[in-house]
C-alpha atoms as a PDB file:
ATOM      1  CA  MET A   1     103.674  80.456  82.170  1.00  0.00           C
ATOM      2  CA  SER A   2     104.132  84.195  81.662  1.00  0.00           C
ATOM      3  CA  GLU A   3     102.803  84.558  78.141  1.00  0.00           C
ATOM      4  CA  GLY A   4      99.615  86.129  76.849  1.00  0.00           C
ATOM      5  CA  LEU A   5      97.735  88.860  78.683  1.00  0.00           C
ATOM      6  CA  LEU A   6      97.565  88.935  82.485  1.00  0.00           C
ATOM      7  CA  LEU A   7      94.566  90.792  83.917  1.00  0.00           C
ATOM      8  CA  VAL A   8      95.283  92.104  87.413  1.00  0.00           C
ATOM      9  CA  ILE A   9      92.451  93.624  89.443  1.00  0.00           C
ATOM     10  CA  ASP A  10      92.451  95.785  92.578  1.00  0.00           C
ATOM     11  CA  GLY A  11      89.723  93.849  94.367  1.00  0.00           C
ATOM     12  CA  ASP A  12      89.035  96.320  97.164  1.00  0.00           C
ATOM     13  CA  SER A  13      88.948  99.313  94.831  1.00  0.00           C
ATOM     14  CA  LEU A  14      86.447  97.734  92.444  1.00  0.00           C
ATOM     15  CA  ALA A  15      84.361  96.078  95.180  1.00  0.00           C
ATOM     16  CA  HIS A  16      83.892  99.447  96.892  1.00  0.00           C
ATOM     17  CA  ARG A  17      82.843 101.040  93.611  1.00  0.00           C
ATOM     18  CA  ALA A  18      80.349  98.235  93.014  1.00  0.00           C
ATOM     19  CA  TYR A  19      79.022  98.524  96.571  1.00  0.00           C
ATOM     20  CA  HIS A  20      78.318 102.241  96.210  1.00  0.00           C
ATOM     21  CA  ALA A  21      76.944 101.927  92.660  1.00  0.00           C
ATOM     22  CA  LEU A  22      74.203  99.435  93.567  1.00  0.00           C
ATOM     23  CA  PRO A  23      71.338  99.679  96.081  1.00  0.00           C
ATOM     24  CA  LYS A  24      72.610  98.824  99.555  1.00  0.00           C
ATOM     25  CA  SER A  25      69.293  97.122 100.199  1.00  0.00           C
ATOM     26  CA  MET A  26      70.275  94.209  97.921  1.00  0.00           C
ATOM     27  CA  ARG A  27      70.140  90.868  99.749  1.00  0.00           C
ATOM     28  CA  SER A  28      70.891  87.267  98.888  1.00  0.00           C
ATOM     29  CA  SER A  29      68.329  84.514  99.422  1.00  0.00           C
ATOM     30  CA  LEU A  30      70.147  83.927 102.740  1.00  0.00           C
ATOM     31  CA  GLY A  31      69.245  87.454 103.811  1.00  0.00           C
ATOM     32  CA  ARG A  32      72.836  88.741 103.633  1.00  0.00           C
ATOM     33  CA  PRO A  33      74.115  91.909 101.869  1.00  0.00           C
ATOM     34  CA  SER A  34      74.927  91.089  98.262  1.00  0.00           C
ATOM     35  CA  GLY A  35      75.439  94.277  96.210  1.00  0.00           C
ATOM     36  CA  ALA A  36      79.248  94.225  96.272  1.00  0.00           C
ATOM     37  CA  LEU A  37      79.339  90.474  95.608  1.00  0.00           C
ATOM     38  CA  ILE A  38      77.077  90.743  92.559  1.00  0.00           C
ATOM     39  CA  GLY A  39      78.465  94.033  91.251  1.00  0.00           C
ATOM     40  CA  PHE A  40      82.099  92.958  91.553  1.00  0.00           C
ATOM     41  CA  THR A  41      81.472  89.530  90.019  1.00  0.00           C
ATOM     42  CA  ASN A  42      79.564  91.037  87.092  1.00  0.00           C
ATOM     43  CA  PHE A  43      82.475  93.437  86.542  1.00  0.00           C
ATOM     44  CA  LEU A  44      84.974  90.571  86.717  1.00  0.00           C
ATOM     45  CA  VAL A  45      83.065  88.590  84.097  1.00  0.00           C
ATOM     46  CA  ARG A  46      82.633  91.650  81.867  1.00  0.00           C
ATOM     47  CA  LEU A  47      86.352  92.367  82.030  1.00  0.00           C
ATOM     48  CA  TRP A  48      87.173  88.760  81.181  1.00  0.00           C
ATOM     49  CA  ASP A  49      84.813  88.917  78.185  1.00  0.00           C
ATOM     50  CA  ALA A  50      86.335  92.169  76.948  1.00  0.00           C
ATOM     51  CA  GLU A  51      90.008  91.251  77.348  1.00  0.00           C
ATOM     52  CA  GLN A  52      90.072  87.419  77.084  1.00  0.00           C
ATOM     53  CA  PRO A  53      93.188  87.251  79.299  1.00  0.00           C
ATOM     54  CA  ALA A  54      95.404  84.202  79.640  1.00  0.00           C
ATOM     55  CA  GLY A  55      95.470  84.694  83.408  1.00  0.00           C
ATOM     56  CA  VAL A  56      93.608  86.637  86.104  1.00  0.00           C
ATOM     57  CA  LEU A  57      94.850  87.706  89.547  1.00  0.00           C
ATOM     58  CA  VAL A  58      92.844  89.809  92.012  1.00  0.00           C
ATOM     59  CA  GLY A  59      94.637  91.561  94.881  1.00  0.00           C
ATOM     60  CA  TRP A  60      93.002  92.245  98.255  1.00  0.00           C
ATOM     61  CA  ASP A  61      93.726  94.283 101.387  1.00  0.00           C
ATOM     62  CA  THR A  62      93.879  92.628 104.795  1.00  0.00           C
ATOM     63  CA  LEU A  63      92.084  95.338 106.729  1.00  0.00           C
ATOM     64  CA  GLU A  64      92.509  93.738 110.156  1.00  0.00           C
ATOM     65  CA  VAL A  65      96.324  93.979 110.101  1.00  0.00           C
ATOM     66  CA  PRO A  66      98.363  97.206 109.684  1.00  0.00           C
ATOM     67  CA  THR A  67     100.936  97.387 106.899  1.00  0.00           C
ATOM     68  CA  TYR A  68     104.435  98.857 107.082  1.00  0.00           C
ATOM     69  CA  ARG A  69     102.848 102.045 105.737  1.00  0.00           C
ATOM     70  CA  HIS A  70     100.562 102.396 108.763  1.00  0.00           C
ATOM     71  CA  GLU A  71     103.463 101.638 111.113  1.00  0.00           C
ATOM     72  CA  SER A  72     105.881 104.044 109.389  1.00  0.00           C
ATOM     73  CA  LEU A  73     103.480 106.955 108.944  1.00  0.00           C
ATOM     74  CA  PRO A  74     101.045 107.542 111.808  1.00  0.00           C
ATOM     75  CA  GLY A  75      97.833 108.847 110.291  1.00  0.00           C
ATOM     76  CA  TYR A  76      98.226 106.941 107.019  1.00  0.00           C
ATOM     77  CA  GLN A  77      94.670 106.339 105.723  1.00  0.00           C
ATOM     78  CA  ALA A  78      93.374 107.610 109.081  1.00  0.00           C
ATOM     79  CA  GLY A  79      89.656 108.074 109.467  1.00  0.00           C
ATOM     80  CA  ARG A  80      88.585 105.383 107.019  1.00  0.00           C
ATOM     81  CA  VAL A  81      85.489 103.708 108.409  1.00  0.00           C
ATOM     82  CA  PHE A  82      83.722 100.996 106.421  1.00  0.00           C
ATOM     83  CA  GLU A  83      80.143  99.850 106.869  1.00  0.00           C
ATOM     84  CA  PRO A  84      79.706  96.304 108.230  1.00  0.00           C
ATOM     85  CA  ALA A  85      77.909  95.248 105.028  1.00  0.00           C
ATOM     86  CA  ILE A  86      80.915  95.982 102.789  1.00  0.00           C
ATOM     87  CA  LEU A  87      83.329  94.392 105.269  1.00  0.00           C
ATOM     88  CA  GLU A  88      81.257  91.200 105.280  1.00  0.00           C
ATOM     89  CA  GLN A  89      81.304  91.029 101.490  1.00  0.00           C
ATOM     90  CA  LEU A  90      85.019  91.847 101.242  1.00  0.00           C
ATOM     91  CA  GLY A  91      85.613  88.814 103.441  1.00  0.00           C
ATOM     92  CA  LEU A  92      83.758  86.580 100.957  1.00  0.00           C
ATOM     93  CA  LEU A  93      85.068  87.916  97.672  1.00  0.00           C
ATOM     94  CA  PRO A  94      88.544  86.278  97.545  1.00  0.00           C
ATOM     95  CA  ASP A  95      86.875  82.853  97.575  1.00  0.00           C
ATOM     96  CA  VAL A  96      84.434  84.022  94.899  1.00  0.00           C
ATOM     97  CA  VAL A  97      87.462  84.846  92.729  1.00  0.00           C
ATOM     98  CA  ARG A  98      89.058  81.464  93.464  1.00  0.00           C
ATOM     99  CA  SER A  99      85.815  79.679  92.550  1.00  0.00           C
ATOM    100  CA  PHE A 100      86.371  80.804  88.945  1.00  0.00           C
ATOM    101  CA  GLY A 101      89.820  79.238  88.980  1.00  0.00           C
ATOM    102  CA  PHE A 102      91.356  82.725  89.115  1.00  0.00           C
ATOM    103  CA  LEU A 103      94.180  83.710  91.477  1.00  0.00           C
ATOM    104  CA  ALA A 104      93.708  85.808  94.627  1.00  0.00           C
ATOM    105  CA  GLY A 105      96.506  87.675  96.366  1.00  0.00           C
ATOM    106  CA  LYS A 106      95.939  88.440 100.035  1.00  0.00           C
ATOM    107  CA  ALA A 107      98.303  88.378 103.028  1.00  0.00           C
ATOM    108  CA  PRO A 108      98.665  90.203 106.367  1.00  0.00           C
ATOM    109  CA  GLY A 109     100.769  93.341 106.112  1.00  0.00           C
ATOM    110  CA  TYR A 110     100.155  93.926 102.404  1.00  0.00           C
ATOM    111  CA  GLU A 111      97.669  96.027 100.452  1.00  0.00           C
ATOM    112  CA  ALA A 112      95.941  95.099  97.215  1.00  0.00           C
ATOM    113  CA  ASP A 113      98.338  97.524  95.480  1.00  0.00           C
ATOM    114  CA  ASP A 114     101.311  95.375  96.407  1.00  0.00           C
ATOM    115  CA  PHE A 115      99.865  92.288  94.730  1.00  0.00           C
ATOM    116  CA  LEU A 116      99.245  94.334  91.584  1.00  0.00           C
ATOM    117  CA  ALA A 117     102.912  95.354  91.577  1.00  0.00           C
ATOM    118  CA  ALA A 118     104.151  91.821  92.239  1.00  0.00           C
ATOM    119  CA  ALA A 119     102.023  90.358  89.459  1.00  0.00           C
ATOM    120  CA  ALA A 120     102.985  93.053  86.948  1.00  0.00           C
ATOM    121  CA  THR A 121     106.669  92.582  87.785  1.00  0.00           C
ATOM    122  CA  ASN A 122     106.704  88.785  87.624  1.00  0.00           C
ATOM    123  CA  TRP A 123     104.634  88.311  84.445  1.00  0.00           C
ATOM    124  CA  THR A 124     106.766  88.754  81.337  1.00  0.00           C
ATOM    125  CA  GLY A 125     103.902  89.284  78.897  1.00  0.00           C
ATOM    126  CA  PRO A 126     101.461  92.202  78.625  1.00  0.00           C
ATOM    127  CA  VAL A 127      99.568  93.206  81.782  1.00  0.00           C
ATOM    128  CA  LEU A 128      96.330  95.132  82.291  1.00  0.00           C
ATOM    129  CA  VAL A 129      95.770  96.490  85.813  1.00  0.00           C
ATOM    130  CA  ALA A 130      92.152  97.412  86.649  1.00  0.00           C
ATOM    131  CA  THR A 131      92.062  99.905  89.519  1.00  0.00           C
ATOM    132  CA  SER A 132      90.688 103.319  90.427  1.00  0.00           C
ATOM    133  CA  ASP A 133      93.839 104.069  92.494  1.00  0.00           C
ATOM    134  CA  ARG A 134      96.111 106.470  90.639  1.00  0.00           C
ATOM    135  CA  ASP A 135      99.083 105.317  92.726  1.00  0.00           C
ATOM    136  CA  ALA A 136      99.145 102.399  90.265  1.00  0.00           C
ATOM    137  CA  PHE A 137     100.332 104.790  87.532  1.00  0.00           C
ATOM    138  CA  GLN A 138     103.827 103.925  88.817  1.00  0.00           C
ATOM    139  CA  LEU A 139     103.403 100.452  87.272  1.00  0.00           C
ATOM    140  CA  VAL A 140     102.750 101.750  83.756  1.00  0.00           C
ATOM    141  CA  SER A 141     105.206 100.865  81.009  1.00  0.00           C
ATOM    142  CA  ASP A 142     105.161  99.779  77.382  1.00  0.00           C
ATOM    143  CA  ARG A 143     104.100  96.352  78.742  1.00  0.00           C
ATOM    144  CA  VAL A 144     101.774  97.409  81.592  1.00  0.00           C
ATOM    145  CA  ASN A 145      98.646  99.549  81.140  1.00  0.00           C
ATOM    146  CA  ILE A 146      95.998 100.649  83.643  1.00  0.00           C
ATOM    147  CA  LEU A 147      92.234 100.303  83.204  1.00  0.00           C
ATOM    148  CA  GLN A 148      90.755 103.116  85.290  1.00  0.00           C
ATOM    149  CA  PRO A 149      86.996 103.230  85.989  1.00  0.00           C
ATOM    150  CA  ILE A 150      85.506 106.604  85.069  1.00  0.00           C
ATOM    151  CA  LYS A 151      81.810 106.209  85.924  1.00  0.00           C
ATOM    152  CA  GLY A 152      81.035 103.528  88.483  1.00  0.00           C
ATOM    153  CA  VAL A 153      82.522 100.452  86.861  1.00  0.00           C
ATOM    154  CA  SER A 154      80.808 100.844  83.496  1.00  0.00           C
ATOM    155  CA  GLU A 155      83.277 103.116  81.658  1.00  0.00           C
ATOM    156  CA  LEU A 156      87.028 102.520  81.623  1.00  0.00           C
ATOM    157  CA  ALA A 157      89.967 104.677  80.534  1.00  0.00           C
ATOM    158  CA  ARG A 158      93.134 102.952  79.320  1.00  0.00           C
ATOM    159  CA  ILE A 159      96.259 104.556  80.789  1.00  0.00           C
ATOM    160  CA  GLY A 160      99.657 104.074  79.143  1.00  0.00           C
ATOM    161  CA  PRO A 161     102.926 106.010  79.498  1.00  0.00           C
ATOM    162  CA  ASP A 162     101.661 108.938  77.382  1.00  0.00           C
ATOM    163  CA  GLU A 163      98.545 109.324  79.547  1.00  0.00           C
ATOM    164  CA  VAL A 164     100.635 109.377  82.744  1.00  0.00           C
ATOM    165  CA  ARG A 165     102.868 112.080  81.279  1.00  0.00           C
ATOM    166  CA  GLU A 166      99.804 114.045  80.149  1.00  0.00           C
ATOM    167  CA  ARG A 167      98.042 113.844  83.529  1.00  0.00           C
ATOM    168  CA  TYR A 168     100.996 114.270  85.903  1.00  0.00           C
ATOM    169  CA  GLY A 169     103.806 115.731  83.805  1.00  0.00           C
ATOM    170  CA  VAL A 170     106.196 113.011  84.966  1.00  0.00           C
ATOM    171  CA  GLU A 171     107.368 109.578  83.857  1.00  0.00           C
ATOM    172  CA  PRO A 172     105.549 106.550  85.356  1.00  0.00           C
ATOM    173  CA  GLU A 173     108.604 105.537  87.393  1.00  0.00           C
ATOM    174  CA  GLN A 174     108.645 109.037  88.951  1.00  0.00           C
ATOM    175  CA  VAL A 175     105.110 108.700  90.342  1.00  0.00           C
ATOM    176  CA  PRO A 176     106.168 107.713  93.925  1.00  0.00           C
ATOM    177  CA  ASP A 177     108.495 110.752  94.010  1.00  0.00           C
ATOM    178  CA  PHE A 178     105.670 112.900  92.632  1.00  0.00           C
ATOM    179  CA  ILE A 179     103.257 111.677  95.334  1.00  0.00           C
ATOM    180  CA  ALA A 180     105.870 112.265  98.045  1.00  0.00           C
ATOM    181  CA  LEU A 181     106.296 115.894  96.967  1.00  0.00           C
ATOM    182  CA  ARG A 182     102.658 116.682  96.151  1.00  0.00           C
ATOM    183  CA  GLY A 183     101.130 114.650  98.960  1.00  0.00           C
ATOM    184  CA  ASP A 184      97.981 112.557  98.817  1.00  0.00           C
ATOM    185  CA  SER A 185      94.993 113.742 100.836  1.00  0.00           C
ATOM    186  CA  SER A 186      93.112 110.463 100.439  1.00  0.00           C
ATOM    187  CA  ASP A 187      95.930 108.523 102.139  1.00  0.00           C
ATOM    188  CA  HIS A 188      96.936 111.397 104.458  1.00  0.00           C
ATOM    189  CA  ILE A 189     100.434 111.720 102.990  1.00  0.00           C
ATOM    190  CA  PRO A 190     101.348 115.364 103.781  1.00  0.00           C
ATOM    191  CA  GLY A 191     103.808 116.082 100.961  1.00  0.00           C
ATOM    192  CA  ALA A 192     106.131 119.096 100.916  1.00  0.00           C
ATOM    193  CA  PRO A 193     104.577 122.339 102.224  1.00  0.00           C
ATOM    194  CA  GLY A 194     103.501 124.636  99.415  1.00  0.00           C
ATOM    195  CA  VAL A 195     104.182 122.052  96.701  1.00  0.00           C
ATOM    196  CA  GLY A 196     101.285 121.192  94.417  1.00  0.00           C
ATOM    197  CA  PRO A 197     101.155 118.981  91.325  1.00  0.00           C
ATOM    198  CA  LYS A 198     102.766 121.515  88.977  1.00  0.00           C
ATOM    199  CA  LYS A 199     105.698 122.312  91.241  1.00  0.00           C
ATOM    200  CA  ALA A 200     106.241 118.643  92.056  1.00  0.00           C
ATOM    201  CA  ALA A 201     106.448 117.854  88.335  1.00  0.00           C
ATOM    202  CA  ASP A 202     108.777 120.840  87.761  1.00  0.00           C
ATOM    203  CA  VAL A 203     111.146 119.618  90.496  1.00  0.00           C
ATOM    204  CA  LEU A 204     111.262 116.111  89.014  1.00  0.00           C
ATOM    205  CA  ARG A 205     111.850 117.425  85.503  1.00  0.00           C
ATOM    206  CA  GLN A 206     114.732 119.552  86.814  1.00  0.00           C
ATOM    207  CA  TYR A 207     116.421 116.928  88.997  1.00  0.00           C
ATOM    208  CA  GLY A 208     115.177 113.615  87.605  1.00  0.00           C
ATOM    209  CA  SER A 209     114.295 112.181  91.000  1.00  0.00           C
ATOM    210  CA  LEU A 210     113.379 113.177  94.532  1.00  0.00           C
ATOM    211  CA  GLU A 211     116.699 111.805  95.810  1.00  0.00           C
ATOM    212  CA  SER A 212     118.679 113.967  93.373  1.00  0.00           C
ATOM    213  CA  ALA A 213     116.683 117.030  94.456  1.00  0.00           C
ATOM    214  CA  LEU A 214     117.432 116.259  98.120  1.00  0.00           C
ATOM    215  CA  GLU A 215     121.134 115.724  97.378  1.00  0.00           C
ATOM    216  CA  ALA A 216     121.159 119.132  95.691  1.00  0.00           C
ATOM    217  CA  GLY A 217     119.909 120.703  98.915  1.00  0.00           C
ATOM    218  CA  ARG A 218     116.224 121.076  98.072  1.00  0.00           C
ATOM    219  CA  PHE A 219     113.746 120.515 100.943  1.00  0.00           C
ATOM    220  CA  SER A 220     116.659 119.924 103.346  1.00  0.00           C
ATOM    221  CA  GLN A 221     114.578 120.417 106.509  1.00  0.00           C
ATOM    222  CA  ILE A 222     112.106 117.687 105.569  1.00  0.00           C
ATOM    223  CA  ALA A 223     114.357 115.371 103.540  1.00  0.00           C
ATOM    224  CA  ASP A 224     113.781 112.351 105.783  1.00  0.00           C
ATOM    225  CA  ASP A 225     110.021 112.969 105.788  1.00  0.00           C
ATOM    226  CA  LEU A 226     109.930 113.069 101.990  1.00  0.00           C
ATOM    227  CA  ARG A 227     111.923 109.830 101.758  1.00  0.00           C
ATOM    228  CA  LEU A 228     109.374 108.255 104.093  1.00  0.00           C
ATOM    229  CA  TYR A 229     106.465 109.534 101.985  1.00  0.00           C
ATOM    230  CA  ARG A 230     108.073 108.065  98.861  1.00  0.00           C
ATOM    231  CA  HIS A 231     108.507 104.732 100.649  1.00  0.00           C
ATOM    232  CA  VAL A 232     104.854 104.753 101.692  1.00  0.00           C
ATOM    233  CA  ALA A 233     103.716 105.654  98.158  1.00  0.00           C
ATOM    234  CA  SER A 234     105.780 102.879  96.545  1.00  0.00           C
ATOM    235  CA  MET A 235     104.077  99.584  95.784  1.00  0.00           C
ATOM    236  CA  ASP A 236     105.848  96.500  97.141  1.00  0.00           C
ATOM    237  CA  ALA A 237     106.553  94.117  94.257  1.00  0.00           C
ATOM    238  CA  GLY A 238     107.781  91.569  96.798  1.00  0.00           C
ATOM    239  CA  ALA A 239     104.250  90.769  97.955  1.00  0.00           C
ATOM    240  CA  PRO A 240     103.618  87.003  98.173  1.00  0.00           C
ATOM    241  CA  ILE A 241     101.545  86.114  95.128  1.00  0.00           C
ATOM    242  CA  PRO A 242     100.488  82.593  94.161  1.00  0.00           C
ATOM    243  CA  PRO A 243     102.418  81.129  91.197  1.00  0.00           C
ATOM    244  CA  LEU A 244     101.282  82.915  88.057  1.00  0.00           C
ATOM    245  CA  ALA A 245      99.743  80.635  85.463  1.00  0.00           C
ATOM    246  CA  ALA A 246      96.967  80.415  82.902  1.00  0.00           C
ATOM    247  CA  THR A 247      93.556  80.533  84.589  1.00  0.00           C
ATOM    248  CA  PRO A 248      90.793  79.436  82.218  1.00  0.00           C
ATOM    249  CA  PRO A 249      87.477  80.192  83.952  1.00  0.00           C
ATOM    250  CA  ASP A 250      85.550  77.347  85.537  1.00  0.00           C
ATOM    251  CA  TRP A 251      82.039  78.681  85.019  1.00  0.00           C
ATOM    252  CA  ALA A 252      80.380  75.636  86.604  1.00  0.00           C
ATOM    253  CA  ALA A 253      82.385  75.876  89.835  1.00  0.00           C
ATOM    254  CA  ALA A 254      81.740  79.625  90.010  1.00  0.00           C
ATOM    255  CA  ALA A 255      78.000  79.003  89.514  1.00  0.00           C
ATOM    256  CA  SER A 256      77.987  76.425  92.309  1.00  0.00           C
ATOM    257  CA  HIS A 257      79.770  78.825  94.652  1.00  0.00           C
ATOM    258  CA  ALA A 258      77.363  81.665  93.822  1.00  0.00           C
ATOM    259  CA  SER A 259      74.433  79.357  94.491  1.00  0.00           C
ATOM    260  CA  ALA A 260      75.867  78.437  97.901  1.00  0.00           C
ATOM    261  CA  LEU A 261      76.041  82.151  98.737  1.00  0.00           C
ATOM    262  CA  GLY A 262      72.356  82.543  97.879  1.00  0.00           C
ATOM    263  CA  LEU A 263      73.042  84.471  94.671  1.00  0.00           C
ATOM    264  CA  GLY A 264      70.581  82.548  92.496  1.00  0.00           C
ATOM    265  CA  ALA A 265      70.322  84.938  89.543  1.00  0.00           C
ATOM    266  CA  LEU A 266      74.120  85.244  89.304  1.00  0.00           C
ATOM    267  CA  ALA A 267      74.470  81.474  89.581  1.00  0.00           C
ATOM    268  CA  GLY A 268      71.977  81.060  86.740  1.00  0.00           C
ATOM    269  CA  ARG A 269      73.949  83.352  84.432  1.00  0.00           C
ATOM    270  CA  LEU A 270      77.158  81.480  85.204  1.00  0.00           C
ATOM    271  CA  GLU A 271      75.440  78.113  84.642  1.00  0.00           C
ATOM    272  CA  GLU A 272      74.398  79.305  81.191  1.00  0.00           C
ATOM    273  CA  ARG A 273      78.043  80.033  80.407  1.00  0.00           C
ATOM    274  CA  ALA A 274      79.065  76.597  81.689  1.00  0.00           C
ATOM    275  CA  SER A 275      76.479  74.943  79.420  1.00  0.00           C
ATOM    276  CA  ALA A 276      77.526  77.017  76.415  1.00  0.00           C
ATOM    277  CA  SER A 277      81.196  76.143  76.837  1.00  0.00           C
END
């Protein structure tokens, strides 16, 4: 099935936002950190309520294994250090997602981004991608929109092709080229020296693509570097996702799973939904 709306969520992106939005002192009845678990699950349920999607897939990083990006570009995402409490909860969240009957994408060598791309590419109906990562603007089309958190995870902006053009001055499919030229400080992608967002957009408007600019002799001394940066900035739509299908929520199973994790209040809210349905 590839009909109806598919909701695709960047699990790591939204779990981190939830973790930092809620008190880090939050604990389950088992004495374990619980803020990211509760915050992310509440966000997941709220999104499902708002959008009523036919299917849900959540993509996850595998932090223990480097991706081709780390191997190709030494320094990619260098210096990222995560607290043990968020790492523990990130390890539990894919099974939380599965307890609802939703799909989880996670595999060594791939980032959450790649599962977003694979899902958006393989689903033929409309797709909403919830992520705070602007790299995902490359997925935007008339069929694919982004939901971007503005404040914590409570306020969302809807990003379509017009919004990408307004923010970056380029077409969605030019976003990897734009990132390669401009660079990305958060991922430690250097970009072309002296090229900021405006110049990067000007180059792409003039030549149409990074490759055309390089073939015309622009940036000749760093051409191979820029091709590498574009490769690193491109999402891999070949990531191994589970078969896409309708995923009606199983509130009772999700409540049982939350209870087993010591999340009694969350379990109670989910049990109420199970009874109502």
